[in-house]
């Protein structure tokens, strides 16, 4: 009986040992996924370098250029007080050789004449207008000549800058010969100077200087 008890106890002890061994054996390794891509280490984020862009200043929009003022063919005449006075108009004394007034080409003189009282604010306008409106070659019985009598010219405007009067005309010259060129120019210039008090004059016809226009005659 003693051997049977021992055997039974032995069997029970061996079964307990096997059970304990199953509980405390080394843990199974964690499964690994061999097909997964290796964990990528975080690439350092590139911090943009704060260098000045070459286009930052090169493409700066330049300031617009200041407007440039251009001369107009028809200037605005400033307002003057109204007055009443005679007008001074110049005509030609042919062959006078400067005896009666300023000497001009072909041995002639330029002579000042006056009109009756005229009401005006800008004396240049009515003076040049009166000269161009005269369609008679002879100035009464004075012996003076108006070489502009055939020309088709219209006064457009005038401008006094310093001591120079500039007048603008439109139309065309119709003259009787080469000697009429300095005569026509002198009549216009001296009449404009007398009306404005200037000491020199510039005349433009259709936007071109009178010298250029008359050089084609």
N, C-alpha and C. Protein backbone atom coordinates (compact mmCIF):
# COMPACT_ATOMS: atom_id res chain seq x y z
N UNK A 1 0.83 -1.21 0.00
CA UNK A 1 0.00 0.00 0.00
C UNK A 1 0.84 1.22 0.00
N UNK A 2 1.97 1.19 0.66
CA UNK A 2 2.86 2.37 0.70
C UNK A 2 3.36 2.70 -0.67
N UNK A 3 3.70 1.73 -1.49
CA UNK A 3 4.20 2.00 -2.86
C UNK A 3 3.12 2.60 -3.70
N UNK A 4 1.88 2.19 -3.53
CA UNK A 4 0.78 2.73 -4.35
C UNK A 4 0.55 4.18 -4.00
N UNK A 5 0.62 4.55 -2.75
CA UNK A 5 0.40 5.95 -2.35
C UNK A 5 1.51 6.81 -2.91
N UNK A 6 2.71 6.29 -2.84
CA UNK A 6 3.85 7.05 -3.35
C UNK A 6 3.70 7.31 -4.81
N UNK A 7 3.22 6.26 -5.48
CA UNK A 7 3.08 6.41 -6.95
C UNK A 7 2.02 7.43 -7.26
N UNK A 8 0.96 7.40 -6.49
CA UNK A 8 -0.11 8.37 -6.76
C UNK A 8 0.37 9.76 -6.49
N UNK A 9 1.13 9.92 -5.37
CA UNK A 9 1.68 11.24 -5.08
C UNK A 9 2.67 11.70 -6.12
N UNK A 10 3.43 10.75 -6.60
CA UNK A 10 4.41 11.10 -7.64
C UNK A 10 3.73 11.59 -8.88
N UNK A 11 2.65 10.95 -9.25
CA UNK A 11 1.93 11.35 -10.49
C UNK A 11 1.35 12.72 -10.32
N UNK A 12 0.80 13.00 -9.16
CA UNK A 12 0.23 14.32 -8.91
C UNK A 12 1.30 15.41 -8.93
N UNK A 13 2.45 15.14 -8.35
CA UNK A 13 3.55 16.13 -8.35
C UNK A 13 4.06 16.40 -9.72
N UNK A 14 4.19 15.34 -10.54
CA UNK A 14 4.69 15.52 -11.92
C UNK A 14 3.71 16.32 -12.72
N UNK A 15 2.41 16.12 -12.52
CA UNK A 15 1.40 16.88 -13.29
C UNK A 15 1.45 18.34 -12.89
N UNK A 16 1.66 18.62 -11.62
CA UNK A 16 1.74 20.02 -11.19
C UNK A 16 2.95 20.72 -11.76
N UNK A 17 4.07 19.97 -11.83
CA UNK A 17 5.30 20.55 -12.38
C UNK A 17 5.13 20.90 -13.83
N UNK A 18 4.48 20.00 -14.59
CA UNK A 18 4.25 20.26 -16.02
C UNK A 18 3.37 21.48 -16.20
N UNK A 19 2.33 21.64 -15.33
CA UNK A 19 1.42 22.78 -15.43
C UNK A 19 2.15 24.07 -15.14
N UNK A 20 3.00 24.07 -14.10
CA UNK A 20 3.75 25.28 -13.79
C UNK A 20 4.72 25.64 -14.88
N UNK A 21 5.33 24.67 -15.49
CA UNK A 21 6.26 24.94 -16.60
C UNK A 21 5.53 25.58 -17.73
N UNK A 22 4.33 25.25 -18.07
CA UNK A 22 3.57 25.85 -19.15
C UNK A 22 3.23 27.27 -18.85
N UNK A 23 3.08 27.72 -17.62
CA UNK A 23 2.73 29.10 -17.27
C UNK A 23 3.92 30.02 -17.27
N UNK A 24 5.08 29.66 -16.95
CA UNK A 24 6.24 30.54 -16.75
C UNK A 24 7.31 30.36 -17.81
N UNK A 25 7.04 29.63 -18.87
CA UNK A 25 8.04 29.51 -19.93
C UNK A 25 8.34 30.90 -20.57
N UNK A 26 9.41 31.04 -21.29
CA UNK A 26 9.77 32.34 -21.95
C UNK A 26 8.66 32.79 -22.90
N UNK A 27 8.29 34.05 -22.86
CA UNK A 27 7.20 34.52 -23.73
C UNK A 27 7.58 34.43 -25.18
N UNK A 28 6.57 34.16 -25.98
CA UNK A 28 6.83 34.07 -27.43
C UNK A 28 7.21 35.47 -27.97
N UNK A 29 8.19 35.52 -28.82
CA UNK A 29 8.59 36.85 -29.39
C UNK A 29 7.43 37.48 -30.15
N UNK A 30 7.39 38.82 -30.10
CA UNK A 30 6.31 39.52 -30.81
C UNK A 30 6.50 39.35 -32.30
N UNK A 31 5.41 39.08 -32.99
CA UNK A 31 5.54 38.87 -34.45
C UNK A 31 6.00 40.15 -35.14
N UNK A 32 6.85 39.98 -36.12
CA UNK A 32 7.35 41.12 -36.89
C UNK A 32 6.88 41.01 -38.32
N UNK A 33 6.53 42.16 -38.92
CA UNK A 33 6.07 42.19 -40.32
C UNK A 33 7.26 42.45 -41.19
N UNK A 34 7.79 41.40 -41.78
CA UNK A 34 9.02 41.52 -42.58
C UNK A 34 8.77 42.24 -43.89
N UNK A 35 7.50 42.33 -44.32
CA UNK A 35 7.24 42.99 -45.61
C UNK A 35 7.03 44.49 -45.45
N UNK A 36 6.90 44.97 -44.20
CA UNK A 36 6.66 46.41 -44.00
C UNK A 36 7.93 47.18 -44.26
N UNK A 37 7.76 48.39 -44.83
CA UNK A 37 8.93 49.22 -45.12
C UNK A 37 9.52 49.68 -43.82
N UNK A 38 10.82 49.80 -43.77
CA UNK A 38 11.45 50.25 -42.53
C UNK A 38 10.92 51.62 -42.16
N UNK A 39 10.85 51.82 -40.89
CA UNK A 39 10.34 53.11 -40.43
C UNK A 39 11.26 54.22 -40.86
N UNK A 40 10.72 55.19 -41.61
CA UNK A 40 11.56 56.28 -42.13
C UNK A 40 11.78 57.28 -41.02
N UNK A 41 13.01 57.65 -40.89
CA UNK A 41 13.29 58.68 -39.90
C UNK A 41 12.84 60.00 -40.47
N UNK A 42 12.30 60.84 -39.62
CA UNK A 42 11.77 62.11 -40.11
C UNK A 42 12.88 62.96 -40.68
N UNK A 43 12.71 63.27 -41.97
CA UNK A 43 13.73 64.11 -42.61
C UNK A 43 13.62 65.51 -42.05
N UNK A 44 14.74 66.14 -41.79
CA UNK A 44 14.68 67.50 -41.22
C UNK A 44 14.03 68.45 -42.22
N UNK A 45 13.07 69.18 -41.72
CA UNK A 45 12.39 70.13 -42.60
C UNK A 45 13.33 71.25 -42.96
N UNK A 46 13.46 71.47 -44.29
CA UNK A 46 14.39 72.50 -44.74
C UNK A 46 13.80 73.87 -44.44
N UNK A 47 14.51 74.62 -43.64
CA UNK A 47 14.05 75.97 -43.30
C UNK A 47 14.52 76.92 -44.39
N UNK A 48 13.57 77.59 -45.04
CA UNK A 48 14.01 78.46 -46.15
C UNK A 48 14.93 79.55 -45.64
N UNK A 49 16.02 79.72 -46.39
CA UNK A 49 16.99 80.76 -46.03
C UNK A 49 16.44 82.10 -46.41
N UNK A 50 16.49 83.05 -45.52
CA UNK A 50 15.91 84.36 -45.77
C UNK A 50 16.88 85.24 -46.52
N UNK A 51 17.27 84.76 -47.71
CA UNK A 51 18.14 85.59 -48.55
C UNK A 51 17.26 86.48 -49.41
N UNK A 52 17.72 87.66 -49.70
CA UNK A 52 16.92 88.61 -50.48
C UNK A 52 16.77 88.10 -51.89
N UNK A 53 15.55 88.03 -52.33
CA UNK A 53 15.30 87.61 -53.71
C UNK A 53 15.81 88.67 -54.66
N UNK A 54 16.54 88.28 -55.72
CA UNK A 54 17.08 89.28 -56.66
C UNK A 54 16.00 90.07 -57.34
N UNK A 55 14.77 89.48 -57.39
CA UNK A 55 13.71 90.21 -58.09
C UNK A 55 12.95 91.13 -57.16
N UNK A 56 13.29 91.04 -55.84
CA UNK A 56 12.53 91.83 -54.89
C UNK A 56 12.70 93.31 -55.14
N UNK A 57 13.95 93.71 -55.51
CA UNK A 57 14.18 95.12 -55.77
C UNK A 57 14.24 95.41 -57.26
N UNK A 58 14.67 94.40 -58.04
CA UNK A 58 14.83 94.65 -59.47
C UNK A 58 13.50 94.86 -60.15
N UNK A 59 12.44 94.23 -59.61
CA UNK A 59 11.14 94.35 -60.26
C UNK A 59 10.27 95.42 -59.65
N UNK A 60 10.86 96.24 -58.79
CA UNK A 60 10.07 97.31 -58.18
C UNK A 60 9.55 98.23 -59.27
N UNK A 61 8.28 98.56 -59.22
CA UNK A 61 7.67 99.40 -60.25
C UNK A 61 8.15 100.83 -60.10
N UNK A 62 8.79 101.35 -61.16
CA UNK A 62 9.28 102.72 -61.04
C UNK A 62 8.14 103.71 -60.99
N UNK A 63 8.40 104.86 -60.39
CA UNK A 63 7.37 105.90 -60.35
C UNK A 63 7.13 106.41 -61.75
N UNK A 64 5.88 106.71 -62.08
CA UNK A 64 5.60 107.20 -63.43
C UNK A 64 6.32 108.51 -63.68
N UNK A 65 6.79 108.67 -64.97
CA UNK A 65 7.48 109.89 -65.32
C UNK A 65 6.52 111.07 -65.28
N UNK A 66 7.04 112.23 -64.86
CA UNK A 66 6.15 113.38 -64.83
C UNK A 66 5.67 113.75 -66.22
N UNK A 67 4.44 114.11 -66.24
CA UNK A 67 3.90 114.50 -67.53
C UNK A 67 4.64 115.71 -68.05
N UNK A 68 4.84 115.58 -69.33
CA UNK A 68 5.52 116.69 -69.98
C UNK A 68 4.49 117.57 -70.66
N UNK A 69 4.54 118.96 -70.42
CA UNK A 69 3.59 119.88 -71.02
C UNK A 69 4.00 120.18 -72.45
N UNK A 70 3.10 120.08 -73.37
CA UNK A 70 3.39 120.33 -74.77
C UNK A 70 2.71 121.62 -75.22
N UNK A 71 3.37 122.30 -76.15
CA UNK A 71 2.81 123.54 -76.66
C UNK A 71 1.63 123.24 -77.57
N UNK A 72 0.61 124.05 -77.48
CA UNK A 72 -0.54 123.88 -78.34
C UNK A 72 -0.48 124.87 -79.49
N UNK A 73 -1.09 124.52 -80.57
CA UNK A 73 -1.10 125.40 -81.73
C UNK A 73 -2.05 126.57 -81.52
N UNK A 74 -2.96 126.46 -80.56
CA UNK A 74 -3.92 127.52 -80.31
C UNK A 74 -3.87 127.89 -78.83
N UNK A 75 -2.90 128.73 -78.41
CA UNK A 75 -2.75 129.05 -77.00
C UNK A 75 -3.92 129.87 -76.48
N UNK A 76 -4.14 129.77 -75.20
CA UNK A 76 -5.19 130.55 -74.57
C UNK A 76 -4.65 131.92 -74.21
N UNK A 77 -5.28 132.96 -74.70
CA UNK A 77 -4.83 134.32 -74.43
C UNK A 77 -5.38 134.77 -73.08
N UNK A 78 -4.51 135.28 -72.20
CA UNK A 78 -4.98 135.71 -70.89
C UNK A 78 -5.95 136.89 -71.01
N UNK A 79 -6.81 137.03 -70.05
CA UNK A 79 -7.81 138.09 -70.07
C UNK A 79 -7.15 139.44 -69.75
N UNK A 80 -7.54 140.49 -70.50
CA UNK A 80 -7.06 141.84 -70.26
C UNK A 80 -8.28 142.74 -70.02
N UNK A 81 -8.07 143.85 -69.35
CA UNK A 81 -9.20 144.78 -69.18
C UNK A 81 -9.63 145.37 -70.51
N UNK A 82 -10.90 145.60 -70.64
CA UNK A 82 -11.42 146.18 -71.88
C UNK A 82 -10.99 147.63 -72.01
N UNK A 83 -10.65 148.04 -73.24
CA UNK A 83 -10.26 149.42 -73.49
C UNK A 83 -10.64 149.82 -74.91
N UNK A 84 -10.59 151.10 -75.18
CA UNK A 84 -10.90 151.63 -76.50
C UNK A 84 -9.71 152.46 -76.96
N UNK A 85 -9.14 152.14 -78.13
CA UNK A 85 -7.96 152.85 -78.63
C UNK A 85 -7.81 152.56 -80.13
N UNK A 86 -7.06 153.38 -80.84
CA UNK A 86 -6.78 153.10 -82.25
C UNK A 86 -5.85 151.90 -82.37
N UNK A 87 -5.90 151.24 -83.48
CA UNK A 87 -4.99 150.13 -83.77
C UNK A 87 -3.88 150.61 -84.70
N UNK A 88 -2.69 150.02 -84.54
CA UNK A 88 -1.56 150.35 -85.41
C UNK A 88 -1.34 149.21 -86.40
N UNK A 89 -1.42 149.55 -87.69
CA UNK A 89 -1.27 148.55 -88.75
C UNK A 89 -0.12 149.00 -89.66
N UNK A 90 0.73 148.06 -90.02
CA UNK A 90 1.89 148.39 -90.85
C UNK A 90 1.67 147.98 -92.31
N UNK A 91 2.08 148.94 -93.19
CA UNK A 91 2.04 148.69 -94.63
C UNK A 91 3.39 149.06 -95.23
N UNK A 92 3.54 148.84 -96.53
CA UNK A 92 4.85 148.96 -97.18
C UNK A 92 4.91 150.19 -98.09
N UNK A 93 6.02 150.95 -97.92
CA UNK A 93 6.34 152.03 -98.85
C UNK A 93 7.40 151.48 -99.81
N UNK A 94 6.97 151.09 -101.00
CA UNK A 94 7.85 150.42 -101.95
C UNK A 94 8.91 151.41 -102.46
N UNK A 95 10.19 150.96 -102.43
CA UNK A 95 11.30 151.77 -102.94
C UNK A 95 11.64 152.96 -102.08
N UNK A 96 11.21 153.02 -100.85
CA UNK A 96 11.43 154.18 -99.98
C UNK A 96 12.79 154.14 -99.31
N UNK A 97 13.45 153.00 -99.33
CA UNK A 97 14.80 152.83 -98.78
C UNK A 97 14.93 153.25 -97.31
N UNK A 98 13.90 152.97 -96.53
CA UNK A 98 13.96 153.25 -95.09
C UNK A 98 13.76 154.69 -94.72
N UNK A 99 13.32 155.54 -95.67
CA UNK A 99 13.15 156.96 -95.35
C UNK A 99 11.94 157.21 -94.45
N UNK A 100 10.92 156.38 -94.54
CA UNK A 100 9.67 156.63 -93.80
C UNK A 100 9.45 155.67 -92.64
N UNK A 101 10.33 154.72 -92.47
CA UNK A 101 10.15 153.75 -91.40
C UNK A 101 11.24 152.69 -91.47
N UNK A 102 11.11 151.60 -90.73
CA UNK A 102 12.10 150.53 -90.74
C UNK A 102 12.35 150.02 -92.16
N UNK A 103 13.62 149.90 -92.53
CA UNK A 103 13.97 149.40 -93.87
C UNK A 103 13.80 147.89 -93.92
N UNK A 104 13.22 147.41 -95.00
CA UNK A 104 13.05 145.97 -95.20
C UNK A 104 13.58 145.60 -96.57
N UNK A 105 13.51 144.33 -96.93
CA UNK A 105 14.08 143.83 -98.17
C UNK A 105 13.59 144.55 -99.42
N UNK A 106 14.44 144.51 -100.46
CA UNK A 106 14.14 145.11 -101.77
C UNK A 106 14.08 146.64 -101.70
N UNK A 107 14.74 147.24 -100.70
CA UNK A 107 14.83 148.71 -100.63
C UNK A 107 13.53 149.39 -100.25
N UNK A 108 12.73 148.76 -99.44
CA UNK A 108 11.44 149.32 -99.06
C UNK A 108 11.46 149.83 -97.62
N UNK A 109 10.38 150.50 -97.24
CA UNK A 109 10.19 150.93 -95.85
C UNK A 109 8.89 150.35 -95.32
N UNK A 110 8.83 150.21 -94.04
CA UNK A 110 7.61 149.76 -93.38
C UNK A 110 7.04 150.97 -92.63
N UNK A 111 5.77 151.27 -92.86
CA UNK A 111 5.18 152.49 -92.32
C UNK A 111 3.97 152.13 -91.46
N UNK A 112 3.89 152.78 -90.28
CA UNK A 112 2.78 152.56 -89.37
C UNK A 112 1.60 153.46 -89.73
N UNK A 113 0.41 152.87 -89.73
CA UNK A 113 -0.82 153.64 -89.89
C UNK A 113 -1.73 153.34 -88.71
N UNK A 114 -2.71 154.20 -88.47
CA UNK A 114 -3.62 153.97 -87.34
C UNK A 114 -5.06 153.97 -87.82
N UNK A 115 -5.88 153.20 -87.14
CA UNK A 115 -7.31 153.13 -87.42
C UNK A 115 -8.06 154.07 -86.49
N UNK A 116 -9.35 154.11 -86.64
CA UNK A 116 -10.18 154.81 -85.66
C UNK A 116 -10.22 154.03 -84.37
N UNK A 117 -10.82 154.58 -83.31
CA UNK A 117 -10.90 153.90 -82.01
C UNK A 117 -11.63 152.56 -82.14
N UNK A 118 -11.06 151.56 -81.51
CA UNK A 118 -11.61 150.20 -81.52
C UNK A 118 -11.69 149.70 -80.08
N UNK A 119 -12.78 149.01 -79.75
CA UNK A 119 -12.92 148.42 -78.41
C UNK A 119 -12.32 147.01 -78.42
N UNK A 120 -11.51 146.71 -77.44
CA UNK A 120 -10.86 145.39 -77.40
C UNK A 120 -10.40 145.08 -75.99
N UNK A 121 -10.09 143.82 -75.76
CA UNK A 121 -9.42 143.39 -74.54
C UNK A 121 -8.00 142.90 -74.87
N UNK A 122 -7.85 142.20 -75.96
CA UNK A 122 -6.53 141.75 -76.44
C UNK A 122 -6.28 142.47 -77.76
N UNK A 123 -5.36 143.42 -77.77
CA UNK A 123 -5.16 144.26 -78.94
C UNK A 123 -4.55 143.51 -80.12
N UNK A 124 -3.85 142.42 -79.87
CA UNK A 124 -3.23 141.67 -80.97
C UNK A 124 -4.29 141.08 -81.90
N UNK A 125 -5.35 140.56 -81.32
CA UNK A 125 -6.41 139.93 -82.12
C UNK A 125 -7.01 140.90 -83.13
N UNK A 126 -7.54 142.06 -82.73
CA UNK A 126 -8.13 142.96 -83.73
C UNK A 126 -7.10 143.57 -84.67
N UNK A 127 -5.87 143.76 -84.21
CA UNK A 127 -4.85 144.36 -85.08
C UNK A 127 -4.49 143.42 -86.24
N UNK A 128 -4.17 142.17 -85.91
CA UNK A 128 -3.85 141.21 -86.97
C UNK A 128 -5.10 140.92 -87.80
N UNK A 129 -6.26 140.87 -87.14
CA UNK A 129 -7.49 140.63 -87.88
C UNK A 129 -7.78 141.73 -88.89
N UNK A 130 -7.54 142.99 -88.51
CA UNK A 130 -7.75 144.12 -89.42
C UNK A 130 -6.79 144.06 -90.60
N UNK A 131 -5.53 143.73 -90.33
CA UNK A 131 -4.54 143.61 -91.40
C UNK A 131 -4.94 142.53 -92.40
N UNK A 132 -5.35 141.38 -91.92
CA UNK A 132 -5.68 140.26 -92.80
C UNK A 132 -7.02 140.48 -93.52
N UNK A 133 -7.89 141.30 -92.94
CA UNK A 133 -9.20 141.54 -93.55
C UNK A 133 -9.14 142.55 -94.70
N UNK A 134 -8.04 143.28 -94.79
CA UNK A 134 -7.90 144.28 -95.85
C UNK A 134 -7.57 143.58 -97.17
N UNK A 135 -8.50 143.60 -98.10
CA UNK A 135 -8.30 142.91 -99.38
C UNK A 135 -7.98 143.90 -100.52
N UNK A 136 -7.51 145.07 -100.13
CA UNK A 136 -7.08 146.05 -101.12
C UNK A 136 -5.55 146.14 -101.15
N UNK A 137 -5.00 146.21 -102.36
CA UNK A 137 -3.54 146.32 -102.46
C UNK A 137 -3.09 147.71 -102.03
N UNK A 138 -3.76 148.74 -102.47
CA UNK A 138 -3.38 150.11 -102.16
C UNK A 138 -4.11 150.59 -100.91
N UNK A 139 -3.38 151.28 -100.03
CA UNK A 139 -3.95 151.78 -98.79
C UNK A 139 -4.38 153.23 -99.02
N UNK A 140 -5.61 153.37 -99.51
CA UNK A 140 -6.14 154.71 -99.83
C UNK A 140 -5.25 155.41 -100.84
N UNK A 141 -5.00 156.70 -100.57
CA UNK A 141 -4.15 157.52 -101.44
C UNK A 141 -2.77 157.76 -100.81
N UNK A 142 -2.42 156.93 -99.84
CA UNK A 142 -1.16 157.13 -99.10
C UNK A 142 0.06 156.70 -99.90
N UNK A 143 -0.14 155.93 -100.92
CA UNK A 143 0.98 155.37 -101.66
C UNK A 143 1.53 154.11 -101.03
N UNK A 144 0.97 153.70 -99.93
CA UNK A 144 1.41 152.47 -99.26
C UNK A 144 0.74 151.26 -99.89
N UNK A 145 1.41 150.10 -99.75
CA UNK A 145 0.95 148.86 -100.37
C UNK A 145 0.75 147.79 -99.30
N UNK A 146 -0.32 147.01 -99.47
CA UNK A 146 -0.59 145.86 -98.61
C UNK A 146 -0.34 144.60 -99.43
N UNK A 147 0.80 143.93 -99.21
CA UNK A 147 1.13 142.75 -100.02
C UNK A 147 0.37 141.50 -99.58
N UNK A 148 -0.37 141.59 -98.50
CA UNK A 148 -1.14 140.45 -98.00
C UNK A 148 -2.58 140.42 -98.53
N UNK A 149 -2.94 141.32 -99.41
CA UNK A 149 -4.34 141.47 -99.81
C UNK A 149 -4.91 140.24 -100.50
N UNK A 150 -4.06 139.43 -101.15
CA UNK A 150 -4.56 138.22 -101.82
C UNK A 150 -4.49 136.96 -100.96
N UNK A 151 -3.76 137.04 -99.86
CA UNK A 151 -3.54 135.86 -99.02
C UNK A 151 -4.82 135.48 -98.27
N UNK A 152 -4.98 134.19 -98.04
CA UNK A 152 -6.14 133.67 -97.30
C UNK A 152 -5.64 133.19 -95.94
N UNK A 153 -5.55 134.12 -94.99
CA UNK A 153 -4.99 133.82 -93.67
C UNK A 153 -5.99 134.20 -92.58
N UNK A 154 -5.98 133.42 -91.49
CA UNK A 154 -6.86 133.66 -90.35
C UNK A 154 -6.04 133.67 -89.07
N UNK A 155 -6.27 134.66 -88.22
CA UNK A 155 -5.59 134.73 -86.92
C UNK A 155 -6.22 133.71 -85.98
N UNK A 156 -5.37 132.90 -85.32
CA UNK A 156 -5.83 131.86 -84.40
C UNK A 156 -5.61 132.25 -82.95
N UNK A 157 -4.44 132.78 -82.63
CA UNK A 157 -4.13 133.13 -81.25
C UNK A 157 -2.75 133.73 -81.13
N UNK A 158 -2.46 134.25 -79.96
CA UNK A 158 -1.15 134.85 -79.72
C UNK A 158 -0.71 134.64 -78.29
N UNK A 159 0.57 134.78 -78.05
CA UNK A 159 1.12 134.60 -76.70
C UNK A 159 2.33 135.50 -76.53
N UNK A 160 2.32 136.28 -75.46
CA UNK A 160 3.44 137.18 -75.15
C UNK A 160 4.25 136.57 -74.03
N UNK A 161 5.51 136.24 -74.32
CA UNK A 161 6.43 135.71 -73.31
C UNK A 161 7.63 136.64 -73.26
N UNK A 162 7.78 137.33 -72.14
CA UNK A 162 8.86 138.31 -72.03
C UNK A 162 8.63 139.44 -73.02
N UNK A 163 9.58 139.66 -73.89
CA UNK A 163 9.47 140.72 -74.89
C UNK A 163 9.20 140.17 -76.29
N UNK A 164 8.78 138.91 -76.36
CA UNK A 164 8.52 138.29 -77.67
C UNK A 164 7.05 137.93 -77.80
N UNK A 165 6.43 138.38 -78.87
CA UNK A 165 5.05 138.02 -79.16
C UNK A 165 5.05 136.93 -80.23
N UNK A 166 4.33 135.87 -79.98
CA UNK A 166 4.19 134.78 -80.94
C UNK A 166 2.73 134.72 -81.38
N UNK A 167 2.52 134.68 -82.69
CA UNK A 167 1.15 134.58 -83.20
C UNK A 167 1.04 133.35 -84.10
N UNK A 168 -0.18 132.77 -84.10
CA UNK A 168 -0.47 131.59 -84.91
C UNK A 168 -1.55 131.93 -85.93
N UNK A 169 -1.28 131.55 -87.16
CA UNK A 169 -2.23 131.77 -88.25
C UNK A 169 -2.53 130.44 -88.92
N UNK A 170 -3.64 130.40 -89.63
CA UNK A 170 -3.92 129.27 -90.52
C UNK A 170 -4.23 129.83 -91.90
N UNK A 171 -4.10 129.00 -92.92
CA UNK A 171 -4.38 129.44 -94.29
C UNK A 171 -3.14 129.39 -95.16
N UNK A 172 -3.12 130.25 -96.17
CA UNK A 172 -2.00 130.24 -97.10
C UNK A 172 -1.69 131.64 -97.62
N UNK A 173 -0.42 131.81 -98.00
CA UNK A 173 0.03 133.06 -98.60
C UNK A 173 -0.18 133.02 -100.11
N UNK A 174 -0.62 134.15 -100.65
CA UNK A 174 -0.65 134.34 -102.11
C UNK A 174 0.05 135.68 -102.35
N UNK A 175 1.27 135.62 -102.83
CA UNK A 175 2.10 136.81 -102.97
C UNK A 175 2.39 137.08 -104.45
N UNK A 176 2.87 138.33 -104.70
CA UNK A 176 3.08 138.74 -106.08
C UNK A 176 4.49 138.57 -106.60
N UNK A 177 5.42 138.09 -105.79
CA UNK A 177 6.80 137.92 -106.24
C UNK A 177 7.74 137.73 -105.07
N UNK A 178 9.04 137.63 -105.40
CA UNK A 178 10.05 137.36 -104.38
C UNK A 178 10.14 138.51 -103.36
N UNK A 179 10.02 139.75 -103.82
CA UNK A 179 10.13 140.87 -102.89
C UNK A 179 8.95 140.96 -101.94
N UNK A 180 7.85 140.31 -102.26
CA UNK A 180 6.71 140.32 -101.34
C UNK A 180 6.95 139.44 -100.11
N UNK A 181 7.95 138.55 -100.16
CA UNK A 181 8.20 137.66 -99.02
C UNK A 181 8.65 138.44 -97.79
N UNK A 182 9.72 139.28 -97.86
CA UNK A 182 10.09 140.06 -96.67
C UNK A 182 9.03 141.11 -96.31
N UNK A 183 8.29 141.59 -97.28
CA UNK A 183 7.24 142.58 -97.01
C UNK A 183 6.11 141.96 -96.18
N UNK A 184 5.66 140.79 -96.60
CA UNK A 184 4.57 140.12 -95.87
C UNK A 184 4.98 139.77 -94.45
N UNK A 185 6.19 139.25 -94.32
CA UNK A 185 6.68 138.89 -92.98
C UNK A 185 6.77 140.12 -92.09
N UNK A 186 7.30 141.23 -92.62
CA UNK A 186 7.46 142.44 -91.84
C UNK A 186 6.10 143.04 -91.44
N UNK A 187 5.14 143.03 -92.32
CA UNK A 187 3.81 143.55 -91.98
C UNK A 187 3.21 142.81 -90.78
N UNK A 188 3.31 141.50 -90.80
CA UNK A 188 2.75 140.70 -89.71
C UNK A 188 3.53 140.91 -88.40
N UNK A 189 4.84 140.85 -88.47
CA UNK A 189 5.65 140.95 -87.25
C UNK A 189 5.53 142.32 -86.60
N UNK A 190 5.63 143.41 -87.39
CA UNK A 190 5.58 144.76 -86.80
C UNK A 190 4.19 145.10 -86.29
N UNK A 191 3.16 144.62 -86.98
CA UNK A 191 1.79 144.87 -86.48
C UNK A 191 1.58 144.16 -85.15
N UNK A 192 2.07 142.92 -85.02
CA UNK A 192 1.95 142.16 -83.76
C UNK A 192 2.75 142.82 -82.64
N UNK A 193 3.94 143.32 -82.95
CA UNK A 193 4.76 143.96 -81.91
C UNK A 193 4.13 145.27 -81.43
N UNK A 194 3.56 146.05 -82.35
CA UNK A 194 2.92 147.31 -81.96
C UNK A 194 1.71 147.05 -81.06
N UNK A 195 0.98 145.99 -81.33
CA UNK A 195 -0.22 145.68 -80.55
C UNK A 195 0.11 145.15 -79.16
N UNK A 196 1.23 144.48 -79.01
CA UNK A 196 1.57 143.83 -77.74
C UNK A 196 2.63 144.55 -76.93
N UNK A 197 3.33 145.51 -77.55
CA UNK A 197 4.42 146.18 -76.86
C UNK A 197 5.70 145.37 -76.85
N UNK A 198 5.77 144.30 -77.64
CA UNK A 198 6.95 143.44 -77.69
C UNK A 198 8.03 144.07 -78.57
N UNK A 199 9.24 143.55 -78.45
CA UNK A 199 10.36 144.03 -79.27
C UNK A 199 10.78 143.01 -80.32
N UNK A 200 10.18 141.81 -80.28
CA UNK A 200 10.45 140.79 -81.30
C UNK A 200 9.19 139.97 -81.50
N UNK A 201 9.12 139.30 -82.66
CA UNK A 201 7.90 138.54 -82.97
C UNK A 201 8.25 137.25 -83.68
N UNK A 202 7.41 136.24 -83.45
CA UNK A 202 7.49 134.97 -84.14
C UNK A 202 6.11 134.70 -84.75
N UNK A 203 6.11 134.27 -86.00
CA UNK A 203 4.86 134.00 -86.70
C UNK A 203 4.86 132.55 -87.16
N UNK A 204 3.76 131.83 -86.87
CA UNK A 204 3.60 130.45 -87.31
C UNK A 204 2.34 130.35 -88.15
N UNK A 205 2.46 129.64 -89.26
CA UNK A 205 1.32 129.43 -90.15
C UNK A 205 1.11 127.93 -90.30
N UNK A 206 -0.08 127.48 -89.93
CA UNK A 206 -0.39 126.04 -89.95
C UNK A 206 0.63 125.24 -89.15
N UNK A 207 1.10 125.82 -88.04
CA UNK A 207 2.04 125.13 -87.16
C UNK A 207 3.49 125.19 -87.61
N UNK A 208 3.79 125.87 -88.71
CA UNK A 208 5.16 125.98 -89.21
C UNK A 208 5.61 127.43 -89.17
N UNK A 209 6.92 127.61 -88.92
CA UNK A 209 7.45 128.97 -88.83
C UNK A 209 7.31 129.66 -90.18
N UNK A 210 7.07 130.97 -90.14
CA UNK A 210 6.83 131.72 -91.37
C UNK A 210 8.02 131.64 -92.33
N UNK A 211 9.24 131.58 -91.80
CA UNK A 211 10.41 131.49 -92.68
C UNK A 211 10.36 130.21 -93.51
N UNK A 212 9.95 129.12 -92.88
CA UNK A 212 9.84 127.85 -93.60
C UNK A 212 8.73 127.90 -94.64
N UNK A 213 7.62 128.51 -94.27
CA UNK A 213 6.47 128.58 -95.19
C UNK A 213 6.82 129.45 -96.39
N UNK A 214 7.40 130.63 -96.15
CA UNK A 214 7.69 131.55 -97.25
C UNK A 214 8.89 131.12 -98.08
N UNK A 215 9.73 130.23 -97.56
CA UNK A 215 10.87 129.74 -98.35
C UNK A 215 10.41 128.91 -99.53
N UNK A 216 9.16 128.43 -99.49
CA UNK A 216 8.62 127.63 -100.58
C UNK A 216 7.97 128.46 -101.65
N UNK A 217 7.89 129.78 -101.42
CA UNK A 217 7.24 130.66 -102.40
C UNK A 217 8.22 131.01 -103.52
